[in-house]
């Protein structure tokens, strides 16, 4: 929305929020990557971000994506951790949560549930806060998945990665990424769920 203000918040990752925008979102299982691997990646990323202050141009976004986002995606696609979402029964509460408020509170343009992570292109409707939407999706789905697994405790990593989709080219790239992700990770039918609304 042209007149709405941009909000930037930080925890371990930067979060940019603006009403009327479409987001690329990734969230992953709590056991999807070893802690030492993530700490090393985060340290490298923090040094790079310090040396490249915002706002980033297209070249800097591409460099960040190649050096940090793609590397993280490759680790996730390698299938580390329990990969609990490979099981269709465990995946179902996540699907239910993603679709429960589709066309009510948000528009899910596309999404894929991989064995240990989820990618979405999500558009919150006016008045809907992205953080609250994601907390609801992750909170309800973690309870459902843990119930099926007969476990308790942390199911998802606390923080999600979200990025405002800045152009039609970026939107098309993320849609293609979602469609190709299961093939790239050599998954068999039934080991993932994919949704593509448009």
N, C-alpha and C. Protein backbone atom coordinates (compact mmCIF):
# COMPACT_ATOMS: atom_id res chain seq x y z
N UNK A 1 0.85 -1.18 0.00
CA UNK A 1 0.00 0.00 0.00
C UNK A 1 0.89 1.24 0.00
N UNK A 2 0.78 2.11 -0.98
CA UNK A 2 1.72 3.21 -1.13
C UNK A 2 1.85 4.10 0.09
N UNK A 3 0.73 4.40 0.78
CA UNK A 3 0.80 5.34 1.89
C UNK A 3 1.14 4.74 3.22
N UNK A 4 1.16 3.41 3.34
CA UNK A 4 1.40 2.81 4.64
C UNK A 4 2.90 2.82 4.97
N UNK A 5 3.25 3.00 6.25
CA UNK A 5 4.65 3.10 6.61
C UNK A 5 5.34 1.74 6.63
N UNK A 6 6.64 1.74 6.34
CA UNK A 6 7.46 0.55 6.43
C UNK A 6 7.92 0.40 7.87
N UNK A 7 7.73 -0.79 8.44
CA UNK A 7 8.19 -1.08 9.80
C UNK A 7 9.33 -2.08 9.71
N UNK A 8 10.43 -1.79 10.40
CA UNK A 8 11.57 -2.71 10.41
C UNK A 8 11.84 -3.11 11.85
N UNK A 9 11.83 -4.42 12.11
CA UNK A 9 12.14 -4.94 13.44
C UNK A 9 13.26 -5.95 13.31
N UNK A 10 13.96 -6.22 14.41
CA UNK A 10 15.09 -7.16 14.40
C UNK A 10 14.99 -8.09 15.59
N UNK A 11 15.30 -9.35 15.37
CA UNK A 11 15.65 -10.30 16.40
C UNK A 11 16.97 -10.87 15.91
N UNK A 12 17.00 -12.12 15.49
CA UNK A 12 18.19 -12.62 14.81
C UNK A 12 18.17 -12.24 13.34
N UNK A 13 16.96 -12.04 12.79
CA UNK A 13 16.79 -11.68 11.39
C UNK A 13 16.06 -10.34 11.30
N UNK A 14 16.31 -9.57 10.23
CA UNK A 14 15.52 -8.35 10.05
C UNK A 14 14.13 -8.71 9.53
N UNK A 15 13.11 -7.97 9.96
CA UNK A 15 11.74 -8.18 9.50
C UNK A 15 11.18 -6.84 9.03
N UNK A 16 10.87 -6.75 7.74
CA UNK A 16 10.31 -5.54 7.15
C UNK A 16 8.83 -5.79 6.93
N UNK A 17 7.99 -4.92 7.45
CA UNK A 17 6.54 -5.09 7.30
C UNK A 17 5.93 -3.83 6.72
N UNK A 18 5.02 -4.02 5.77
CA UNK A 18 4.30 -2.90 5.18
C UNK A 18 2.96 -3.42 4.70
N UNK A 19 1.89 -2.75 5.10
CA UNK A 19 0.56 -3.20 4.73
C UNK A 19 0.40 -3.20 3.21
N UNK A 20 -0.27 -4.23 2.71
CA UNK A 20 -0.52 -4.33 1.28
C UNK A 20 0.57 -5.02 0.49
N UNK A 21 1.56 -5.57 1.16
CA UNK A 21 2.67 -6.22 0.47
C UNK A 21 2.50 -7.75 0.46
N UNK A 22 3.23 -8.38 -0.43
CA UNK A 22 3.31 -9.84 -0.53
C UNK A 22 4.67 -10.25 0.03
N UNK A 23 4.69 -11.37 0.77
CA UNK A 23 5.92 -11.81 1.45
C UNK A 23 6.35 -13.19 1.00
N UNK A 24 7.66 -13.36 0.93
CA UNK A 24 8.30 -14.67 0.80
C UNK A 24 8.67 -15.08 2.22
N UNK A 25 8.19 -16.22 2.66
CA UNK A 25 8.38 -16.64 4.05
C UNK A 25 8.95 -18.05 4.08
N UNK A 26 9.93 -18.26 4.95
CA UNK A 26 10.49 -19.59 5.19
C UNK A 26 10.50 -19.83 6.69
N UNK A 27 10.01 -20.99 7.10
CA UNK A 27 10.19 -21.41 8.49
C UNK A 27 10.55 -22.89 8.51
N UNK A 28 11.23 -23.32 9.58
CA UNK A 28 11.81 -24.65 9.58
C UNK A 28 11.63 -25.34 10.92
N UNK A 29 11.80 -26.66 10.90
CA UNK A 29 11.71 -27.43 12.13
C UNK A 29 12.85 -27.07 13.07
N UNK A 30 12.60 -27.20 14.36
CA UNK A 30 13.61 -26.83 15.38
C UNK A 30 14.88 -27.66 15.24
N UNK A 31 14.77 -28.90 14.75
CA UNK A 31 15.96 -29.75 14.65
C UNK A 31 16.52 -29.83 13.22
N UNK A 32 16.13 -28.89 12.35
CA UNK A 32 16.47 -29.00 10.93
C UNK A 32 17.94 -28.75 10.62
N UNK A 33 18.63 -27.98 11.44
CA UNK A 33 20.05 -27.69 11.20
C UNK A 33 20.81 -27.70 12.52
N UNK A 34 22.07 -28.19 12.51
CA UNK A 34 22.87 -28.17 13.73
C UNK A 34 23.12 -26.73 14.20
N UNK A 35 23.09 -26.54 15.50
CA UNK A 35 23.25 -25.20 16.08
C UNK A 35 24.58 -24.56 15.70
N UNK A 36 25.67 -25.34 15.66
CA UNK A 36 26.99 -24.77 15.32
C UNK A 36 27.01 -24.27 13.88
N UNK A 37 26.35 -24.99 12.99
CA UNK A 37 26.27 -24.56 11.58
C UNK A 37 25.55 -23.23 11.48
N UNK A 38 24.43 -23.11 12.19
CA UNK A 38 23.65 -21.87 12.15
C UNK A 38 24.42 -20.71 12.76
N UNK A 39 25.12 -20.96 13.86
CA UNK A 39 25.89 -19.88 14.51
C UNK A 39 26.98 -19.35 13.59
N UNK A 40 27.69 -20.25 12.90
CA UNK A 40 28.74 -19.83 11.96
C UNK A 40 28.12 -19.03 10.81
N UNK A 41 27.02 -19.52 10.25
CA UNK A 41 26.33 -18.84 9.17
C UNK A 41 25.87 -17.45 9.62
N UNK A 42 25.30 -17.37 10.82
CA UNK A 42 24.79 -16.10 11.34
C UNK A 42 25.91 -15.09 11.54
N UNK A 43 27.07 -15.55 12.04
CA UNK A 43 28.21 -14.65 12.25
C UNK A 43 28.69 -14.08 10.92
N UNK A 44 28.84 -14.95 9.91
CA UNK A 44 29.25 -14.48 8.59
C UNK A 44 28.25 -13.48 8.02
N UNK A 45 26.97 -13.82 8.16
CA UNK A 45 25.92 -12.94 7.64
C UNK A 45 25.93 -11.59 8.35
N UNK A 46 26.09 -11.60 9.67
CA UNK A 46 26.09 -10.34 10.43
C UNK A 46 27.24 -9.43 10.02
N UNK A 47 28.43 -10.01 9.77
CA UNK A 47 29.56 -9.20 9.29
C UNK A 47 29.26 -8.60 7.93
N UNK A 48 28.66 -9.41 7.05
CA UNK A 48 28.34 -8.91 5.71
C UNK A 48 27.30 -7.80 5.79
N UNK A 49 26.27 -7.97 6.58
CA UNK A 49 25.21 -6.96 6.73
C UNK A 49 25.78 -5.68 7.32
N UNK A 50 26.70 -5.81 8.28
CA UNK A 50 27.33 -4.62 8.86
C UNK A 50 28.08 -3.81 7.81
N UNK A 51 28.73 -4.54 6.87
CA UNK A 51 29.49 -3.87 5.81
C UNK A 51 28.63 -3.41 4.64
N UNK A 52 27.36 -3.82 4.62
CA UNK A 52 26.43 -3.46 3.54
C UNK A 52 25.13 -2.94 4.15
N UNK A 53 25.13 -1.72 4.67
CA UNK A 53 23.92 -1.20 5.32
C UNK A 53 22.76 -1.02 4.33
N UNK A 54 21.55 -1.13 4.86
CA UNK A 54 20.34 -0.92 4.06
C UNK A 54 20.22 0.55 3.68
N UNK A 55 19.50 0.88 2.62
CA UNK A 55 18.77 -0.01 1.71
C UNK A 55 19.72 -0.66 0.71
N UNK A 56 19.40 -1.90 0.30
CA UNK A 56 20.20 -2.63 -0.67
C UNK A 56 19.65 -2.43 -2.08
N UNK A 57 20.57 -2.35 -3.03
CA UNK A 57 20.15 -2.33 -4.43
C UNK A 57 19.99 -3.78 -4.91
N UNK A 58 19.58 -3.97 -6.16
CA UNK A 58 19.34 -5.32 -6.68
C UNK A 58 20.61 -6.18 -6.63
N UNK A 59 21.77 -5.58 -6.92
CA UNK A 59 23.03 -6.33 -6.88
C UNK A 59 23.30 -6.84 -5.46
N UNK A 60 23.10 -6.00 -4.46
CA UNK A 60 23.34 -6.42 -3.07
C UNK A 60 22.35 -7.49 -2.64
N UNK A 61 21.07 -7.36 -3.06
CA UNK A 61 20.09 -8.41 -2.75
C UNK A 61 20.52 -9.73 -3.36
N UNK A 62 21.01 -9.71 -4.60
CA UNK A 62 21.45 -10.95 -5.26
C UNK A 62 22.64 -11.55 -4.53
N UNK A 63 23.59 -10.70 -4.12
CA UNK A 63 24.77 -11.20 -3.39
C UNK A 63 24.35 -11.82 -2.06
N UNK A 64 23.46 -11.13 -1.33
CA UNK A 64 22.97 -11.67 -0.05
C UNK A 64 22.28 -13.01 -0.28
N UNK A 65 21.44 -13.08 -1.30
CA UNK A 65 20.71 -14.31 -1.60
C UNK A 65 21.66 -15.46 -1.91
N UNK A 66 22.67 -15.18 -2.73
CA UNK A 66 23.62 -16.23 -3.11
C UNK A 66 24.46 -16.67 -1.92
N UNK A 67 24.98 -15.72 -1.16
CA UNK A 67 25.90 -16.06 -0.07
C UNK A 67 25.22 -16.64 1.16
N UNK A 68 23.98 -16.23 1.40
CA UNK A 68 23.35 -16.63 2.66
C UNK A 68 22.05 -17.42 2.47
N UNK A 69 21.10 -16.89 1.74
CA UNK A 69 19.82 -17.57 1.59
C UNK A 69 19.98 -18.91 0.86
N UNK A 70 20.67 -18.91 -0.27
CA UNK A 70 20.81 -20.14 -1.05
C UNK A 70 21.60 -21.20 -0.28
N UNK A 71 22.61 -20.78 0.44
CA UNK A 71 23.40 -21.74 1.22
C UNK A 71 22.53 -22.40 2.29
N UNK A 72 21.72 -21.59 2.97
CA UNK A 72 20.81 -22.11 3.98
C UNK A 72 19.81 -23.07 3.34
N UNK A 73 19.26 -22.70 2.19
CA UNK A 73 18.30 -23.56 1.49
C UNK A 73 18.93 -24.89 1.11
N UNK A 74 20.17 -24.88 0.65
CA UNK A 74 20.85 -26.12 0.28
C UNK A 74 21.01 -27.04 1.49
N UNK A 75 21.33 -26.46 2.65
CA UNK A 75 21.44 -27.28 3.87
C UNK A 75 20.09 -27.89 4.21
N UNK A 76 19.03 -27.08 4.12
CA UNK A 76 17.70 -27.61 4.43
C UNK A 76 17.31 -28.72 3.46
N UNK A 77 17.58 -28.52 2.19
CA UNK A 77 17.22 -29.52 1.18
C UNK A 77 18.02 -30.81 1.33
N UNK A 78 19.15 -30.75 2.04
CA UNK A 78 19.93 -31.97 2.28
C UNK A 78 19.20 -32.92 3.23
N UNK A 79 18.15 -32.42 3.89
CA UNK A 79 17.31 -33.30 4.71
C UNK A 79 17.88 -33.63 6.08
N UNK A 80 18.41 -32.65 6.77
CA UNK A 80 18.92 -32.88 8.12
C UNK A 80 17.77 -32.89 9.13
N UNK A 81 18.04 -33.44 10.29
CA UNK A 81 17.05 -33.47 11.37
C UNK A 81 16.04 -34.59 11.19
N UNK A 82 14.98 -34.53 11.95
CA UNK A 82 13.97 -35.60 11.94
C UNK A 82 13.16 -35.66 10.65
N UNK A 83 13.07 -34.55 9.92
CA UNK A 83 12.26 -34.47 8.69
C UNK A 83 10.85 -35.00 8.94
N UNK A 84 10.27 -34.60 10.06
CA UNK A 84 8.94 -35.08 10.47
C UNK A 84 7.87 -34.80 9.44
N UNK A 85 8.03 -33.73 8.65
CA UNK A 85 7.01 -33.33 7.68
C UNK A 85 7.02 -34.20 6.41
N UNK A 86 7.93 -35.12 6.33
CA UNK A 86 7.92 -36.09 5.22
C UNK A 86 6.68 -36.99 5.33
N UNK A 87 6.21 -37.16 6.57
CA UNK A 87 5.04 -37.99 6.86
C UNK A 87 3.77 -37.17 6.59
N UNK A 88 2.90 -37.67 5.70
CA UNK A 88 1.68 -36.93 5.31
C UNK A 88 0.77 -36.66 6.51
N UNK A 89 0.71 -37.58 7.44
CA UNK A 89 -0.15 -37.40 8.62
C UNK A 89 0.36 -36.24 9.48
N UNK A 90 1.67 -36.13 9.64
CA UNK A 90 2.27 -35.04 10.43
C UNK A 90 2.12 -33.72 9.67
N UNK A 91 2.19 -33.77 8.36
CA UNK A 91 2.08 -32.57 7.52
C UNK A 91 0.68 -31.96 7.56
N UNK A 92 -0.34 -32.78 7.79
CA UNK A 92 -1.73 -32.33 7.66
C UNK A 92 -2.09 -31.13 8.55
N UNK A 93 -1.67 -31.10 9.84
CA UNK A 93 -2.00 -29.91 10.64
C UNK A 93 -1.41 -28.61 10.07
N UNK A 94 -0.26 -28.71 9.41
CA UNK A 94 0.35 -27.52 8.80
C UNK A 94 -0.50 -27.07 7.61
N UNK A 95 -0.92 -28.02 6.78
CA UNK A 95 -1.79 -27.70 5.64
C UNK A 95 -3.08 -27.06 6.14
N UNK A 96 -3.68 -27.66 7.16
CA UNK A 96 -4.93 -27.13 7.73
C UNK A 96 -4.76 -25.69 8.20
N UNK A 97 -3.65 -25.41 8.87
CA UNK A 97 -3.41 -24.05 9.39
C UNK A 97 -3.17 -23.05 8.25
N UNK A 98 -2.48 -23.47 7.21
CA UNK A 98 -2.23 -22.57 6.09
C UNK A 98 -3.51 -22.22 5.34
N UNK A 99 -4.41 -23.20 5.24
CA UNK A 99 -5.63 -23.00 4.45
C UNK A 99 -6.82 -22.48 5.26
N UNK A 100 -6.76 -22.59 6.59
CA UNK A 100 -7.90 -22.21 7.43
C UNK A 100 -8.35 -20.77 7.18
N UNK A 101 -7.40 -19.83 7.07
CA UNK A 101 -7.77 -18.43 6.88
C UNK A 101 -7.38 -17.89 5.50
N UNK A 102 -7.11 -18.83 4.56
CA UNK A 102 -6.85 -18.44 3.17
C UNK A 102 -8.12 -17.79 2.61
N UNK A 103 -7.96 -16.61 2.04
CA UNK A 103 -9.05 -15.79 1.50
C UNK A 103 -9.94 -15.18 2.58
N UNK A 104 -9.53 -15.31 3.86
CA UNK A 104 -10.25 -14.66 4.96
C UNK A 104 -9.34 -13.62 5.61
N UNK A 105 -8.15 -14.05 6.06
CA UNK A 105 -7.17 -13.15 6.67
C UNK A 105 -5.95 -12.91 5.79
N UNK A 106 -5.72 -13.84 4.89
CA UNK A 106 -4.56 -13.72 4.00
C UNK A 106 -4.86 -14.45 2.69
N UNK A 107 -4.01 -14.17 1.71
CA UNK A 107 -4.06 -14.88 0.44
C UNK A 107 -2.77 -15.68 0.34
N UNK A 108 -2.90 -16.99 0.25
CA UNK A 108 -1.74 -17.85 0.05
C UNK A 108 -1.57 -18.01 -1.46
N UNK A 109 -0.59 -17.33 -2.02
CA UNK A 109 -0.35 -17.40 -3.46
C UNK A 109 0.25 -18.75 -3.84
N UNK A 110 1.21 -19.21 -3.05
CA UNK A 110 1.87 -20.49 -3.32
C UNK A 110 2.58 -20.93 -2.05
N UNK A 111 2.83 -22.23 -1.96
CA UNK A 111 3.56 -22.75 -0.81
C UNK A 111 4.00 -24.18 -1.04
N UNK A 112 5.02 -24.56 -0.31
CA UNK A 112 5.48 -25.95 -0.34
C UNK A 112 5.89 -26.34 1.08
N UNK A 113 5.47 -27.53 1.47
CA UNK A 113 5.91 -28.10 2.75
C UNK A 113 6.91 -29.19 2.41
N UNK A 114 8.15 -28.95 2.76
CA UNK A 114 9.25 -29.90 2.56
C UNK A 114 9.40 -30.73 3.84
N UNK A 115 10.24 -31.76 3.86
CA UNK A 115 10.36 -32.60 5.06
C UNK A 115 10.77 -31.86 6.33
N UNK A 116 11.57 -30.78 6.20
CA UNK A 116 12.01 -30.08 7.41
C UNK A 116 11.83 -28.56 7.36
N UNK A 117 11.11 -28.05 6.34
CA UNK A 117 10.88 -26.61 6.26
C UNK A 117 9.70 -26.30 5.36
N UNK A 118 9.27 -25.04 5.39
CA UNK A 118 8.10 -24.58 4.63
C UNK A 118 8.47 -23.27 3.94
N UNK A 119 8.05 -23.13 2.67
CA UNK A 119 8.17 -21.87 1.94
C UNK A 119 6.78 -21.40 1.56
N UNK A 120 6.52 -20.10 1.70
CA UNK A 120 5.23 -19.53 1.35
C UNK A 120 5.41 -18.22 0.59
N UNK A 121 4.46 -17.94 -0.29
CA UNK A 121 4.25 -16.58 -0.79
C UNK A 121 2.89 -16.20 -0.23
N UNK A 122 2.89 -15.27 0.70
CA UNK A 122 1.70 -14.96 1.49
C UNK A 122 1.41 -13.46 1.46
N UNK A 123 0.16 -13.12 1.30
CA UNK A 123 -0.27 -11.72 1.28
C UNK A 123 -1.29 -11.50 2.40
N UNK A 124 -0.89 -10.87 3.51
CA UNK A 124 -1.87 -10.57 4.56
C UNK A 124 -2.89 -9.55 4.06
N UNK A 125 -4.15 -9.71 4.44
CA UNK A 125 -5.18 -8.75 4.08
C UNK A 125 -5.03 -7.49 4.94
N UNK A 126 -5.63 -6.41 4.51
CA UNK A 126 -5.56 -5.13 5.24
C UNK A 126 -5.98 -5.35 6.68
N UNK A 127 -5.19 -4.79 7.60
CA UNK A 127 -5.49 -4.90 9.02
C UNK A 127 -4.95 -6.16 9.67
N UNK A 128 -4.38 -7.06 8.89
CA UNK A 128 -3.82 -8.30 9.43
C UNK A 128 -2.31 -8.15 9.59
N UNK A 129 -1.82 -8.45 10.78
CA UNK A 129 -0.39 -8.33 11.08
C UNK A 129 0.32 -9.64 10.71
N UNK A 130 1.39 -9.55 9.92
CA UNK A 130 2.12 -10.74 9.48
C UNK A 130 2.62 -11.56 10.66
N UNK A 131 3.18 -10.91 11.67
CA UNK A 131 3.72 -11.65 12.82
C UNK A 131 2.63 -12.44 13.52
N UNK A 132 1.47 -11.83 13.69
CA UNK A 132 0.36 -12.54 14.36
C UNK A 132 -0.14 -13.70 13.51
N UNK A 133 -0.23 -13.49 12.20
CA UNK A 133 -0.64 -14.59 11.31
C UNK A 133 0.33 -15.76 11.42
N UNK A 134 1.63 -15.47 11.38
CA UNK A 134 2.63 -16.53 11.43
C UNK A 134 2.64 -17.21 12.81
N UNK A 135 2.49 -16.43 13.87
CA UNK A 135 2.43 -17.03 15.21
C UNK A 135 1.25 -17.99 15.32
N UNK A 136 0.10 -17.60 14.73
CA UNK A 136 -1.07 -18.46 14.74
C UNK A 136 -0.85 -19.74 13.95
N UNK A 137 -0.30 -19.61 12.75
CA UNK A 137 -0.04 -20.77 11.90
C UNK A 137 0.94 -21.71 12.57
N UNK A 138 2.05 -21.16 13.07
CA UNK A 138 3.07 -22.01 13.66
C UNK A 138 2.63 -22.59 15.00
N UNK A 139 1.92 -21.79 15.80
CA UNK A 139 1.48 -22.27 17.11
C UNK A 139 0.49 -23.41 17.01
N UNK A 140 -0.56 -23.22 16.21
CA UNK A 140 -1.59 -24.26 16.07
C UNK A 140 -1.03 -25.50 15.38
N UNK A 141 -0.21 -25.31 14.35
CA UNK A 141 0.33 -26.49 13.65
C UNK A 141 1.31 -27.27 14.52
N UNK A 142 2.11 -26.57 15.34
CA UNK A 142 3.05 -27.29 16.20
C UNK A 142 2.30 -28.16 17.23
N UNK A 143 1.20 -27.63 17.76
CA UNK A 143 0.41 -28.45 18.70
C UNK A 143 -0.16 -29.67 18.00
N UNK A 144 -0.68 -29.48 16.78
CA UNK A 144 -1.24 -30.61 16.04
C UNK A 144 -0.18 -31.64 15.66
N UNK A 145 0.95 -31.18 15.19
CA UNK A 145 2.03 -32.10 14.80
C UNK A 145 2.57 -32.86 16.01
N UNK A 146 2.80 -32.14 17.11
CA UNK A 146 3.29 -32.81 18.32
C UNK A 146 2.30 -33.84 18.83
N UNK A 147 1.01 -33.55 18.71
CA UNK A 147 -0.01 -34.52 19.14
C UNK A 147 0.12 -35.81 18.33
N UNK A 148 0.27 -35.68 17.03
CA UNK A 148 0.42 -36.86 16.16
C UNK A 148 1.71 -37.61 16.47
N UNK A 149 2.78 -36.88 16.72
CA UNK A 149 4.08 -37.49 17.02
C UNK A 149 4.17 -38.00 18.46
N UNK A 150 3.17 -37.65 19.27
CA UNK A 150 3.16 -37.98 20.72
C UNK A 150 4.41 -37.42 21.40
N UNK A 151 4.66 -36.15 21.07
CA UNK A 151 5.80 -35.43 21.64
C UNK A 151 5.32 -34.12 22.22
N UNK A 152 6.21 -33.44 22.93
CA UNK A 152 5.93 -32.08 23.39
C UNK A 152 7.19 -31.27 23.17
N UNK A 153 7.08 -29.98 23.38
CA UNK A 153 8.25 -29.12 23.21
C UNK A 153 8.26 -28.41 21.88
N UNK A 154 9.39 -27.81 21.59
CA UNK A 154 9.52 -26.94 20.42
C UNK A 154 9.50 -27.76 19.14
N UNK A 155 8.58 -27.42 18.25
CA UNK A 155 8.48 -28.10 16.95
C UNK A 155 9.15 -27.25 15.86
N UNK A 156 8.81 -25.95 15.80
CA UNK A 156 9.39 -25.02 14.83
C UNK A 156 10.50 -24.21 15.47
N UNK A 157 11.47 -23.78 14.65
CA UNK A 157 12.39 -22.73 15.09
C UNK A 157 11.54 -21.51 15.38
N UNK A 158 11.89 -20.78 16.42
CA UNK A 158 11.07 -19.66 16.87
C UNK A 158 10.88 -18.60 15.79
N UNK A 159 11.95 -18.25 15.10
CA UNK A 159 11.89 -17.13 14.17
C UNK A 159 11.78 -17.60 12.72
N UNK A 160 10.90 -16.97 11.97
CA UNK A 160 10.76 -17.24 10.54
C UNK A 160 11.56 -16.21 9.75
N UNK A 161 11.89 -16.55 8.51
CA UNK A 161 12.50 -15.59 7.60
C UNK A 161 11.39 -15.03 6.74
N UNK A 162 11.28 -13.71 6.67
CA UNK A 162 10.29 -13.10 5.78
C UNK A 162 10.94 -11.96 5.01
N UNK A 163 10.47 -11.80 3.78
CA UNK A 163 11.07 -10.83 2.86
C UNK A 163 9.95 -10.25 1.98
N UNK A 164 9.86 -8.95 1.92
CA UNK A 164 8.87 -8.32 1.05
C UNK A 164 9.27 -8.61 -0.41
N UNK A 165 8.32 -9.11 -1.18
CA UNK A 165 8.56 -9.37 -2.60
C UNK A 165 8.57 -8.02 -3.31
N UNK A 166 9.71 -7.67 -3.90
CA UNK A 166 9.92 -6.31 -4.37
C UNK A 166 9.63 -6.06 -5.83
N UNK A 167 9.40 -7.12 -6.60
CA UNK A 167 9.16 -6.92 -8.03
C UNK A 167 8.43 -8.13 -8.60
N UNK A 168 7.90 -7.97 -9.79
CA UNK A 168 7.25 -9.09 -10.47
C UNK A 168 8.26 -10.20 -10.78
N UNK A 169 9.50 -9.81 -11.12
CA UNK A 169 10.55 -10.79 -11.40
C UNK A 169 10.86 -11.61 -10.15
N UNK A 170 10.91 -10.95 -9.00
CA UNK A 170 11.16 -11.66 -7.75
C UNK A 170 10.00 -12.60 -7.42
N UNK A 171 8.78 -12.13 -7.63
CA UNK A 171 7.59 -12.95 -7.41
C UNK A 171 7.65 -14.22 -8.28
N UNK A 172 7.96 -14.05 -9.55
CA UNK A 172 8.05 -15.18 -10.47
C UNK A 172 9.17 -16.14 -10.05
N UNK A 173 10.29 -15.59 -9.58
CA UNK A 173 11.40 -16.42 -9.11
C UNK A 173 10.96 -17.28 -7.94
N UNK A 174 10.27 -16.68 -6.95
CA UNK A 174 9.84 -17.44 -5.78
C UNK A 174 8.79 -18.49 -6.13
N UNK A 175 7.88 -18.17 -7.04
CA UNK A 175 6.89 -19.16 -7.49
C UNK A 175 7.60 -20.35 -8.13
N UNK A 176 8.58 -20.08 -8.99
CA UNK A 176 9.35 -21.16 -9.62
C UNK A 176 10.11 -21.96 -8.58
N UNK A 177 10.68 -21.25 -7.61
CA UNK A 177 11.45 -21.94 -6.56
C UNK A 177 10.55 -22.94 -5.83
N UNK A 178 9.34 -22.52 -5.49
CA UNK A 178 8.41 -23.40 -4.79
C UNK A 178 8.10 -24.64 -5.64
N UNK A 179 7.82 -24.44 -6.91
CA UNK A 179 7.50 -25.57 -7.80
C UNK A 179 8.68 -26.53 -7.94
N UNK A 180 9.89 -25.99 -7.98
CA UNK A 180 11.08 -26.81 -8.25
C UNK A 180 11.73 -27.38 -7.00
N UNK A 181 11.42 -26.84 -5.83
CA UNK A 181 12.11 -27.25 -4.60
C UNK A 181 12.04 -28.76 -4.34
N UNK A 182 10.86 -29.40 -4.46
CA UNK A 182 10.83 -30.85 -4.22
C UNK A 182 11.68 -31.65 -5.22
N UNK A 183 11.72 -31.19 -6.48
CA UNK A 183 12.54 -31.87 -7.49
C UNK A 183 14.02 -31.71 -7.18
N UNK A 184 14.40 -30.48 -6.81
CA UNK A 184 15.79 -30.19 -6.48
C UNK A 184 16.27 -31.03 -5.29
N UNK A 185 15.37 -31.27 -4.33
CA UNK A 185 15.72 -32.05 -3.14
C UNK A 185 15.51 -33.55 -3.37
N UNK A 186 15.16 -33.95 -4.60
CA UNK A 186 14.98 -35.37 -4.97
C UNK A 186 13.92 -36.06 -4.12
N UNK A 187 12.81 -35.35 -3.86
CA UNK A 187 11.73 -35.94 -3.07
C UNK A 187 10.82 -36.76 -3.98
N UNK A 188 10.21 -37.77 -3.38
CA UNK A 188 9.25 -38.61 -4.11
C UNK A 188 7.85 -38.07 -3.85
N UNK A 189 6.89 -38.35 -4.76
CA UNK A 189 5.51 -37.95 -4.49
C UNK A 189 5.07 -38.50 -3.13
N UNK A 190 4.34 -37.69 -2.39
CA UNK A 190 3.90 -38.09 -1.06
C UNK A 190 4.83 -37.65 0.06
N UNK A 191 6.03 -37.15 -0.29
CA UNK A 191 6.97 -36.68 0.73
C UNK A 191 6.90 -35.17 0.93
N UNK A 192 6.02 -34.50 0.20
CA UNK A 192 5.89 -33.06 0.28
C UNK A 192 4.47 -32.67 -0.09
N UNK A 193 4.13 -31.39 0.14
CA UNK A 193 2.83 -30.83 -0.26
C UNK A 193 3.10 -29.52 -0.97
N UNK A 194 2.41 -29.30 -2.07
CA UNK A 194 2.63 -28.07 -2.83
C UNK A 194 1.28 -27.42 -3.12
N UNK A 195 1.26 -26.10 -3.09
CA UNK A 195 0.05 -25.32 -3.34
C UNK A 195 0.43 -24.18 -4.25
N UNK A 196 -0.34 -23.99 -5.31
CA UNK A 196 -0.09 -22.89 -6.23
C UNK A 196 -1.43 -22.35 -6.69
N UNK A 197 -1.85 -21.22 -6.11
CA UNK A 197 -3.19 -20.66 -6.33
C UNK A 197 -3.33 -20.03 -7.70
N UNK A 198 -2.26 -19.42 -8.22
CA UNK A 198 -2.40 -18.62 -9.44
C UNK A 198 -1.63 -19.21 -10.60
